[in-house]
Amino acid sequence: MSQKLPLSLEFFPPKTPEGAVKLRSVRQQLYALRPGYCSVTYGAGGSTQDGTLTAVREIVAEGVDAAPHFSCIGASTSRVREQLREFKDAGLRRIVALRGDLPSGYGQFGEFRFASELVAFIRQETRDHFHIEVAAYPEMHPQARSPQADLQAYAAKVKAGANGAITQMFFNSDAYFRFVDEAHALGADIPVVPGIMPITNASGIMRFADSCGTEIPRWMRLRLMGFGDDTESIRAFGLDVITDLCDQLRTAGVPGLHFYTMNQSAAVLEICRRLGL
């Protein structure tokens, strides 16, 4: 049964001219899904900042709404103010506001320590011009002191003026539902869109999950390890698992799905085809 569900897509800025050409082709394939918007990531300390804005401008020129990721670690208020002006001049109305990671060699945070401070500053400077998305961590931010502290940090971002949230990837739907319930109990009741990571590479997904604090259920990890180098079996298993996860989330009435595309189209298109999207 086809059921319309808002979709959004995430890309990262290509590092080479060949990568830029390939990404344009990938985007055209994925536009068949009619995404509500596409977001483009941003490196530590703004290391890919120019590439982010270039990619976002291209997406807007292709007729799709776009949102730059915008991290504040190591940034000054004057630099953030200048970048907000650049975003407005580019005709952008969406931002994904993040704390970000300290780039190597940085000793201190800069003028913003938390994403909530960035959200508050964007609101102060631009009022309601931007629709602001923030990050949510169903299984706790890896640097948080405790689940309670992490929830309080999330609630602070909502109170500062966030319009919506996108989660870190997860493979356990219960973690998402519990997070949303606990956030609502704190009065943080903005829409929380699940971030969905297709599984196409076993070692890659396990390494990434370990680095960002995402739990891969034991049965899943054992199955993935059991496939060895059988990429076709890994791909087929990944499609089944992620389609099932998306179906559970859709059945429960989530506000949308945000796909971490990794600048690839095949897995996202196949998952959405199976879901009737």
C-alpha atoms as a PDB file:
ATOM      1  CA  MET A   1       0.000   0.000   0.000  1.00  0.00           C
ATOM      2  CA  SER A   2       1.423   3.382  -0.985  1.00  0.00           C
ATOM      3  CA  GLN A   3       1.262   5.925   1.796  1.00  0.00           C
ATOM      4  CA  LYS A   4       2.701   9.408   1.402  1.00  0.00           C
ATOM      5  CA  LEU A   5       5.338  10.115   4.007  1.00  0.00           C
ATOM      6  CA  PRO A   6       7.523  13.248   3.958  1.00  0.00           C
ATOM      7  CA  LEU A   7      11.069  12.345   2.908  1.00  0.00           C
ATOM      8  CA  SER A   8      14.311  14.287   3.106  1.00  0.00           C
ATOM      9  CA  LEU A   9      17.795  13.367   1.909  1.00  0.00           C
ATOM     10  CA  GLU A  10      21.287  14.101   3.204  1.00  0.00           C
ATOM     11  CA  PHE A  11      24.421  14.500   1.065  1.00  0.00           C
ATOM     12  CA  PHE A  12      28.005  15.445   1.843  1.00  0.00           C
ATOM     13  CA  PRO A  13      30.018  17.966  -0.211  1.00  0.00           C
ATOM     14  CA  PRO A  14      32.070  16.191  -2.889  1.00  0.00           C
ATOM     15  CA  LYS A  15      35.840  16.651  -2.617  1.00  0.00           C
ATOM     16  CA  THR A  16      36.689  16.283  -6.327  1.00  0.00           C
ATOM     17  CA  PRO A  17      35.217  17.512  -9.647  1.00  0.00           C
ATOM     18  CA  GLU A  18      34.415  13.850 -10.493  1.00  0.00           C
ATOM     19  CA  GLY A  19      32.575  13.526  -7.174  1.00  0.00           C
ATOM     20  CA  ALA A  20      30.536  16.642  -7.977  1.00  0.00           C
ATOM     21  CA  VAL A  21      29.501  15.226 -11.375  1.00  0.00           C
ATOM     22  CA  LYS A  22      28.538  11.883  -9.782  1.00  0.00           C
ATOM     23  CA  LEU A  23      26.532  13.619  -7.034  1.00  0.00           C
ATOM     24  CA  ARG A  24      24.519  15.611  -9.596  1.00  0.00           C
ATOM     25  CA  SER A  25      23.540  12.334 -11.242  1.00  0.00           C
ATOM     26  CA  VAL A  26      22.667  10.728  -7.873  1.00  0.00           C
ATOM     27  CA  ARG A  27      20.496  13.722  -6.930  1.00  0.00           C
ATOM     28  CA  GLN A  28      18.568  13.560 -10.199  1.00  0.00           C
ATOM     29  CA  GLN A  29      17.810   9.868  -9.552  1.00  0.00           C
ATOM     30  CA  LEU A  30      16.691  10.562  -5.972  1.00  0.00           C
ATOM     31  CA  TYR A  31      14.478  13.516  -6.939  1.00  0.00           C
ATOM     32  CA  ALA A  32      12.042  10.854  -8.191  1.00  0.00           C
ATOM     33  CA  LEU A  33      11.166  10.477  -4.469  1.00  0.00           C
ATOM     34  CA  ARG A  34      10.021  14.132  -4.375  1.00  0.00           C
ATOM     35  CA  PRO A  35      11.973  14.997  -1.201  1.00  0.00           C
ATOM     36  CA  GLY A  36      10.704  17.885   0.910  1.00  0.00           C
ATOM     37  CA  TYR A  37      14.273  19.128   1.139  1.00  0.00           C
ATOM     38  CA  CYS A  38      17.898  17.984   0.948  1.00  0.00           C
ATOM     39  CA  SER A  39      20.515  18.737   3.591  1.00  0.00           C
ATOM     40  CA  VAL A  40      24.261  19.022   3.025  1.00  0.00           C
ATOM     41  CA  THR A  41      26.784  18.243   5.761  1.00  0.00           C
ATOM     42  CA  TYR A  42      29.523  20.477   7.077  1.00  0.00           C
ATOM     43  CA  GLY A  43      32.988  19.418   8.239  1.00  0.00           C
ATOM     44  CA  ALA A  44      34.607  19.939  11.621  1.00  0.00           C
ATOM     45  CA  GLY A  45      35.230  23.622  12.251  1.00  0.00           C
ATOM     46  CA  GLY A  46      33.660  24.405   8.878  1.00  0.00           C
ATOM     47  CA  SER A  47      36.327  22.500   6.912  1.00  0.00           C
ATOM     48  CA  THR A  48      33.913  21.878   4.009  1.00  0.00           C
ATOM     49  CA  GLN A  49      31.943  25.094   4.458  1.00  0.00           C
ATOM     50  CA  ASP A  50      32.478  26.384   0.892  1.00  0.00           C
ATOM     51  CA  GLY A  51      31.573  22.988  -0.566  1.00  0.00           C
ATOM     52  CA  THR A  52      28.426  22.911   1.576  1.00  0.00           C
ATOM     53  CA  LEU A  53      27.155  26.237   0.266  1.00  0.00           C
ATOM     54  CA  THR A  54      28.071  25.337  -3.330  1.00  0.00           C
ATOM     55  CA  ALA A  55      26.121  22.067  -3.134  1.00  0.00           C
ATOM     56  CA  VAL A  56      23.150  23.748  -1.423  1.00  0.00           C
ATOM     57  CA  ARG A  57      23.006  26.432  -4.133  1.00  0.00           C
ATOM     58  CA  GLU A  58      23.033  23.729  -6.841  1.00  0.00           C
ATOM     59  CA  ILE A  59      20.156  21.868  -5.175  1.00  0.00           C
ATOM     60  CA  VAL A  60      18.077  25.063  -4.942  1.00  0.00           C
ATOM     61  CA  ALA A  61      18.830  25.776  -8.626  1.00  0.00           C
ATOM     62  CA  GLU A  62      17.544  22.251  -9.399  1.00  0.00           C
ATOM     63  CA  GLY A  63      14.198  23.247  -7.889  1.00  0.00           C
ATOM     64  CA  VAL A  64      14.470  21.477  -4.510  1.00  0.00           C
ATOM     65  CA  ASP A  65      14.504  23.097  -1.068  1.00  0.00           C
ATOM     66  CA  ALA A  66      17.898  22.744   0.648  1.00  0.00           C
ATOM     67  CA  ALA A  67      19.382  23.130   4.122  1.00  0.00           C
ATOM     68  CA  PRO A  68      23.060  23.569   4.965  1.00  0.00           C
ATOM     69  CA  HIS A  69      24.375  21.905   8.102  1.00  0.00           C
ATOM     70  CA  PHE A  70      25.766  24.706  10.215  1.00  0.00           C
ATOM     71  CA  SER A  71      28.082  23.960  13.139  1.00  0.00           C
ATOM     72  CA  CYS A  72      29.274  26.569  15.594  1.00  0.00           C
ATOM     73  CA  ILE A  73      32.296  25.037  17.334  1.00  0.00           C
ATOM     74  CA  GLY A  74      35.326  27.319  17.034  1.00  0.00           C
ATOM     75  CA  ALA A  75      33.225  30.098  15.452  1.00  0.00           C
ATOM     76  CA  SER A  76      32.857  33.745  16.503  1.00  0.00           C
ATOM     77  CA  THR A  77      29.514  35.557  16.624  1.00  0.00           C
ATOM     78  CA  SER A  78      30.692  37.876  13.831  1.00  0.00           C
ATOM     79  CA  ARG A  79      31.547  34.913  11.578  1.00  0.00           C
ATOM     80  CA  VAL A  80      28.207  33.211  12.309  1.00  0.00           C
ATOM     81  CA  ARG A  81      26.386  36.478  11.588  1.00  0.00           C
ATOM     82  CA  GLU A  82      28.234  36.759   8.269  1.00  0.00           C
ATOM     83  CA  GLN A  83      27.334  33.167   7.306  1.00  0.00           C
ATOM     84  CA  LEU A  84      23.666  33.687   8.175  1.00  0.00           C
ATOM     85  CA  ARG A  85      23.715  36.663   5.799  1.00  0.00           C
ATOM     86  CA  GLU A  86      25.244  34.444   3.084  1.00  0.00           C
ATOM     87  CA  PHE A  87      22.493  31.861   3.612  1.00  0.00           C
ATOM     88  CA  LYS A  88      19.779  34.535   3.364  1.00  0.00           C
ATOM     89  CA  ASP A  89      21.386  36.006   0.239  1.00  0.00           C
ATOM     90  CA  ALA A  90      21.358  32.508  -1.312  1.00  0.00           C
ATOM     91  CA  GLY A  91      17.583  32.366  -0.752  1.00  0.00           C
ATOM     92  CA  LEU A  92      17.779  29.661   1.924  1.00  0.00           C
ATOM     93  CA  ARG A  93      15.007  29.227   4.493  1.00  0.00           C
ATOM     94  CA  ARG A  94      16.259  26.095   6.310  1.00  0.00           C
ATOM     95  CA  ILE A  95      19.274  25.340   8.502  1.00  0.00           C
ATOM     96  CA  VAL A  96      20.387  22.207  10.349  1.00  0.00           C
ATOM     97  CA  ALA A  97      22.008  23.743  13.454  1.00  0.00           C
ATOM     98  CA  LEU A  98      24.671  21.631  15.175  1.00  0.00           C
ATOM     99  CA  ARG A  99      27.375  22.050  17.769  1.00  0.00           C
ATOM    100  CA  GLY A 100      29.853  20.160  15.607  1.00  0.00           C
ATOM    101  CA  ASP A 101      33.182  18.605  16.555  1.00  0.00           C
ATOM    102  CA  LEU A 102      36.308  20.538  17.432  1.00  0.00           C
ATOM    103  CA  PRO A 103      38.733  20.354  14.503  1.00  0.00           C
ATOM    104  CA  SER A 104      42.118  18.879  15.381  1.00  0.00           C
ATOM    105  CA  GLY A 105      44.481  21.482  16.789  1.00  0.00           C
ATOM    106  CA  TYR A 106      41.663  23.528  18.337  1.00  0.00           C
ATOM    107  CA  GLY A 107      42.107  24.015  22.066  1.00  0.00           C
ATOM    108  CA  GLN A 108      38.834  25.758  22.874  1.00  0.00           C
ATOM    109  CA  PHE A 109      35.228  25.938  21.757  1.00  0.00           C
ATOM    110  CA  GLY A 110      35.051  29.541  20.517  1.00  0.00           C
ATOM    111  CA  GLU A 111      32.079  31.746  21.401  1.00  0.00           C
ATOM    112  CA  PHE A 112      29.478  28.952  21.148  1.00  0.00           C
ATOM    113  CA  ARG A 113      29.731  25.909  23.422  1.00  0.00           C
ATOM    114  CA  PHE A 114      26.388  24.253  22.654  1.00  0.00           C
ATOM    115  CA  ALA A 115      23.981  23.923  19.726  1.00  0.00           C
ATOM    116  CA  SER A 116      21.281  25.548  21.915  1.00  0.00           C
ATOM    117  CA  GLU A 117      23.402  28.739  21.961  1.00  0.00           C
ATOM    118  CA  LEU A 118      23.625  28.661  18.158  1.00  0.00           C
ATOM    119  CA  VAL A 119      19.856  28.153  17.816  1.00  0.00           C
ATOM    120  CA  ALA A 120      19.180  31.061  20.196  1.00  0.00           C
ATOM    121  CA  PHE A 121      21.611  33.291  18.253  1.00  0.00           C
ATOM    122  CA  ILE A 122      20.026  32.420  14.876  1.00  0.00           C
ATOM    123  CA  ARG A 123      16.590  33.261  16.308  1.00  0.00           C
ATOM    124  CA  GLN A 124      17.876  36.518  17.801  1.00  0.00           C
ATOM    125  CA  GLU A 125      19.536  37.569  14.518  1.00  0.00           C
ATOM    126  CA  THR A 126      16.970  36.378  11.955  1.00  0.00           C
ATOM    127  CA  ARG A 127      13.703  35.918  13.888  1.00  0.00           C
ATOM    128  CA  ASP A 128      11.550  33.376  12.014  1.00  0.00           C
ATOM    129  CA  HIS A 129      13.359  33.559   8.682  1.00  0.00           C
ATOM    130  CA  PHE A 130      14.878  30.069   9.053  1.00  0.00           C
ATOM    131  CA  HIS A 131      13.231  26.734   9.764  1.00  0.00           C
ATOM    132  CA  ILE A 132      15.792  25.266  12.182  1.00  0.00           C
ATOM    133  CA  GLU A 133      16.391  21.531  12.499  1.00  0.00           C
ATOM    134  CA  VAL A 134      18.571  20.163  15.311  1.00  0.00           C
ATOM    135  CA  ALA A 135      20.092  16.756  16.085  1.00  0.00           C
ATOM    136  CA  ALA A 136      18.498  14.189  18.395  1.00  0.00           C
ATOM    137  CA  TYR A 137      20.217  11.125  19.841  1.00  0.00           C
ATOM    138  CA  PRO A 138      17.812   8.255  20.673  1.00  0.00           C
ATOM    139  CA  GLU A 139      20.712   6.263  22.151  1.00  0.00           C
ATOM    140  CA  MET A 140      22.493   9.250  23.759  1.00  0.00           C
ATOM    141  CA  HIS A 141      25.181  11.530  22.352  1.00  0.00           C
ATOM    142  CA  PRO A 142      28.541   9.743  22.733  1.00  0.00           C
ATOM    143  CA  GLN A 143      29.954  12.685  24.738  1.00  0.00           C
ATOM    144  CA  ALA A 144      26.943  13.167  27.030  1.00  0.00           C
ATOM    145  CA  ARG A 145      27.462  12.589  30.770  1.00  0.00           C
ATOM    146  CA  SER A 146      24.193  10.651  31.112  1.00  0.00           C
ATOM    147  CA  PRO A 147      20.921  10.008  29.256  1.00  0.00           C
ATOM    148  CA  GLN A 148      19.240  12.613  31.502  1.00  0.00           C
ATOM    149  CA  ALA A 149      21.888  15.240  30.710  1.00  0.00           C
ATOM    150  CA  ASP A 150      21.518  14.463  27.003  1.00  0.00           C
ATOM    151  CA  LEU A 151      17.729  14.887  27.147  1.00  0.00           C
ATOM    152  CA  GLN A 152      18.145  18.209  28.974  1.00  0.00           C
ATOM    153  CA  ALA A 153      20.575  19.394  26.286  1.00  0.00           C
ATOM    154  CA  TYR A 154      18.037  18.417  23.615  1.00  0.00           C
ATOM    155  CA  ALA A 155      15.214  20.207  25.462  1.00  0.00           C
ATOM    156  CA  ALA A 156      17.418  23.336  25.654  1.00  0.00           C
ATOM    157  CA  LYS A 157      17.709  23.346  21.845  1.00  0.00           C
ATOM    158  CA  VAL A 158      13.928  23.096  21.519  1.00  0.00           C
ATOM    159  CA  LYS A 159      13.399  25.898  24.045  1.00  0.00           C
ATOM    160  CA  ALA A 160      15.933  28.056  22.148  1.00  0.00           C
ATOM    161  CA  GLY A 161      13.702  27.920  19.070  1.00  0.00           C
ATOM    162  CA  ALA A 162      14.272  24.737  17.041  1.00  0.00           C
ATOM    163  CA  ASN A 163      11.386  23.796  14.708  1.00  0.00           C
ATOM    164  CA  GLY A 164      12.208  20.133  14.249  1.00  0.00           C
ATOM    165  CA  ALA A 165      14.809  17.442  14.920  1.00  0.00           C
ATOM    166  CA  ILE A 166      16.566  14.718  12.918  1.00  0.00           C
ATOM    167  CA  THR A 167      17.909  11.718  14.788  1.00  0.00           C
ATOM    168  CA  GLN A 168      21.285  10.084  14.627  1.00  0.00           C
ATOM    169  CA  MET A 169      20.962   6.740  12.826  1.00  0.00           C
ATOM    170  CA  PHE A 170      19.536   3.878  14.892  1.00  0.00           C
ATOM    171  CA  PHE A 171      18.497   0.276  14.290  1.00  0.00           C
ATOM    172  CA  ASN A 172      16.248  -0.223  17.312  1.00  0.00           C
ATOM    173  CA  SER A 173      12.862   1.482  16.915  1.00  0.00           C
ATOM    174  CA  ASP A 174      12.159   1.217  20.673  1.00  0.00           C
ATOM    175  CA  ALA A 175      15.047   3.609  21.350  1.00  0.00           C
ATOM    176  CA  TYR A 176      13.408   6.184  19.058  1.00  0.00           C
ATOM    177  CA  PHE A 177       9.919   5.831  20.589  1.00  0.00           C
ATOM    178  CA  ARG A 178      11.284   6.053  24.135  1.00  0.00           C
ATOM    179  CA  PHE A 179      13.323   9.158  23.265  1.00  0.00           C
ATOM    180  CA  VAL A 180      10.290  10.915  21.771  1.00  0.00           C
ATOM    181  CA  ASP A 181       8.128  10.042  24.796  1.00  0.00           C
ATOM    182  CA  GLU A 182      10.767  11.295  27.247  1.00  0.00           C
ATOM    183  CA  ALA A 183      11.359  14.492  25.250  1.00  0.00           C
ATOM    184  CA  HIS A 184       7.610  15.191  25.176  1.00  0.00           C
ATOM    185  CA  ALA A 185       7.484  14.693  28.948  1.00  0.00           C
ATOM    186  CA  LEU A 186      10.006  17.558  29.215  1.00  0.00           C
ATOM    187  CA  GLY A 187       7.830  19.766  26.992  1.00  0.00           C
ATOM    188  CA  ALA A 188      10.125  19.315  23.956  1.00  0.00           C
ATOM    189  CA  ASP A 189       7.378  18.385  21.522  1.00  0.00           C
ATOM    190  CA  ILE A 190       8.724  19.398  18.103  1.00  0.00           C
ATOM    191  CA  PRO A 191       8.574  16.766  15.300  1.00  0.00           C
ATOM    192  CA  VAL A 192      11.443  14.243  15.554  1.00  0.00           C
ATOM    193  CA  VAL A 193      12.241  12.728  12.149  1.00  0.00           C
ATOM    194  CA  PRO A 194      14.125   9.404  12.206  1.00  0.00           C
ATOM    195  CA  GLY A 195      17.514   9.473  10.464  1.00  0.00           C
ATOM    196  CA  ILE A 196      17.811   6.324   8.315  1.00  0.00           C
ATOM    197  CA  MET A 197      21.154   4.835   7.262  1.00  0.00           C
ATOM    198  CA  PRO A 198      20.983   2.151   4.545  1.00  0.00           C
ATOM    199  CA  ILE A 199      23.329  -0.811   5.142  1.00  0.00           C
ATOM    200  CA  THR A 200      25.513  -1.508   2.107  1.00  0.00           C
ATOM    201  CA  ASN A 201      28.864  -2.330   3.728  1.00  0.00           C
ATOM    202  CA  ALA A 202      29.223  -4.411   6.914  1.00  0.00           C
ATOM    203  CA  SER A 203      32.572  -3.180   8.252  1.00  0.00           C
ATOM    204  CA  GLY A 204      31.740   0.424   7.362  1.00  0.00           C
ATOM    205  CA  ILE A 205      28.391   0.457   9.177  1.00  0.00           C
ATOM    206  CA  MET A 206      29.846  -1.257  12.270  1.00  0.00           C
ATOM    207  CA  ARG A 207      32.771   1.168  12.451  1.00  0.00           C
ATOM    208  CA  PHE A 208      30.478   4.171  12.004  1.00  0.00           C
ATOM    209  CA  ALA A 209      27.973   2.884  14.574  1.00  0.00           C
ATOM    210  CA  ASP A 210      30.736   2.339  17.145  1.00  0.00           C
ATOM    211  CA  SER A 211      32.098   5.858  16.599  1.00  0.00           C
ATOM    212  CA  CYS A 212      28.743   7.620  17.030  1.00  0.00           C
ATOM    213  CA  GLY A 213      27.321   5.516  19.866  1.00  0.00           C
ATOM    214  CA  THR A 214      24.662   3.706  17.831  1.00  0.00           C
ATOM    215  CA  GLU A 215      23.854   0.179  19.000  1.00  0.00           C
ATOM    216  CA  ILE A 216      23.788  -2.527  16.367  1.00  0.00           C
ATOM    217  CA  PRO A 217      21.645  -5.302  17.906  1.00  0.00           C
ATOM    218  CA  ARG A 218      23.688  -8.436  18.597  1.00  0.00           C
ATOM    219  CA  TRP A 219      21.716 -10.584  16.138  1.00  0.00           C
ATOM    220  CA  MET A 220      22.310  -8.020  13.391  1.00  0.00           C
ATOM    221  CA  ARG A 221      26.022  -7.675  14.104  1.00  0.00           C
ATOM    222  CA  LEU A 222      26.492 -11.478  14.092  1.00  0.00           C
ATOM    223  CA  ARG A 223      24.606 -11.833  10.797  1.00  0.00           C
ATOM    224  CA  LEU A 224      26.674  -9.062   9.192  1.00  0.00           C
ATOM    225  CA  MET A 225      29.940 -10.583  10.417  1.00  0.00           C
ATOM    226  CA  GLY A 226      28.780 -14.014   9.250  1.00  0.00           C
ATOM    227  CA  PHE A 227      28.464 -12.821   5.636  1.00  0.00           C
ATOM    228  CA  GLY A 228      32.221 -12.160   5.458  1.00  0.00           C
ATOM    229  CA  ASP A 229      33.030 -10.589   2.076  1.00  0.00           C
ATOM    230  CA  ASP A 230      29.719 -11.627   0.475  1.00  0.00           C
ATOM    231  CA  THR A 231      28.670  -8.117  -0.537  1.00  0.00           C
ATOM    232  CA  GLU A 232      25.495  -9.307  -2.299  1.00  0.00           C
ATOM    233  CA  SER A 233      24.205 -11.021   0.876  1.00  0.00           C
ATOM    234  CA  ILE A 234      25.116  -7.985   2.987  1.00  0.00           C
ATOM    235  CA  ARG A 235      23.221  -5.728   0.579  1.00  0.00           C
ATOM    236  CA  ALA A 236      20.134  -7.993   0.520  1.00  0.00           C
ATOM    237  CA  PHE A 237      20.123  -8.325   4.326  1.00  0.00           C
ATOM    238  CA  GLY A 238      20.595  -4.562   4.720  1.00  0.00           C
ATOM    239  CA  LEU A 239      17.646  -3.802   2.437  1.00  0.00           C
ATOM    240  CA  ASP A 240      15.388  -6.197   4.383  1.00  0.00           C
ATOM    241  CA  VAL A 241      16.399  -4.845   7.810  1.00  0.00           C
ATOM    242  CA  ILE A 242      16.137  -1.142   6.940  1.00  0.00           C
ATOM    243  CA  THR A 243      12.873  -1.537   4.997  1.00  0.00           C
ATOM    244  CA  ASP A 244      11.405  -3.326   8.028  1.00  0.00           C
ATOM    245  CA  LEU A 245      12.634  -0.560  10.366  1.00  0.00           C
ATOM    246  CA  CYS A 246      11.095   2.139   8.128  1.00  0.00           C
ATOM    247  CA  ASP A 247       7.835   0.188   7.970  1.00  0.00           C
ATOM    248  CA  GLN A 248       7.648  -0.030  11.791  1.00  0.00           C
ATOM    249  CA  LEU A 249       8.298   3.709  12.055  1.00  0.00           C
ATOM    250  CA  ARG A 250       5.741   4.587   9.378  1.00  0.00           C
ATOM    251  CA  THR A 251       3.091   2.368  10.996  1.00  0.00           C
ATOM    252  CA  ALA A 252       3.662   4.219  14.282  1.00  0.00           C
ATOM    253  CA  GLY A 253       3.054   7.562  12.552  1.00  0.00           C
ATOM    254  CA  VAL A 254       6.492   9.208  12.443  1.00  0.00           C
ATOM    255  CA  PRO A 255       6.539  12.721  10.900  1.00  0.00           C
ATOM    256  CA  GLY A 256       8.876  11.691   8.072  1.00  0.00           C
ATOM    257  CA  LEU A 257      12.077   9.829   7.166  1.00  0.00           C
ATOM    258  CA  HIS A 258      15.489  11.444   6.632  1.00  0.00           C
ATOM    259  CA  PHE A 259      17.850   9.279   4.563  1.00  0.00           C
ATOM    260  CA  TYR A 260      21.623   9.443   5.016  1.00  0.00           C
ATOM    261  CA  THR A 261      22.381   8.732   1.358  1.00  0.00           C
ATOM    262  CA  MET A 262      26.213   8.712   1.568  1.00  0.00           C
ATOM    263  CA  ASN A 263      25.957  10.238  -1.944  1.00  0.00           C
ATOM    264  CA  GLN A 264      24.535   6.954  -3.323  1.00  0.00           C
ATOM    265  CA  SER A 265      21.064   6.358  -4.762  1.00  0.00           C
ATOM    266  CA  ALA A 266      20.490   2.592  -5.258  1.00  0.00           C
ATOM    267  CA  ALA A 267      19.728   1.485  -1.673  1.00  0.00           C
ATOM    268  CA  VAL A 268      17.512   4.494  -0.846  1.00  0.00           C
ATOM    269  CA  LEU A 269      15.511   4.050  -4.059  1.00  0.00           C
ATOM    270  CA  GLU A 270      15.024   0.326  -3.427  1.00  0.00           C
ATOM    271  CA  ILE A 271      13.929   0.830   0.214  1.00  0.00           C
ATOM    272  CA  CYS A 272      11.409   3.471  -0.869  1.00  0.00           C
ATOM    273  CA  ARG A 273      10.184   1.264  -3.732  1.00  0.00           C
ATOM    274  CA  ARG A 274       9.529  -1.564  -1.265  1.00  0.00           C
ATOM    275  CA  LEU A 275       7.695   0.871   1.027  1.00  0.00           C
ATOM    276  CA  GLY A 276       5.533   2.089  -1.855  1.00  0.00           C
ATOM    277  CA  LEU A 277       6.974   5.595  -1.554  1.00  0.00           C
END
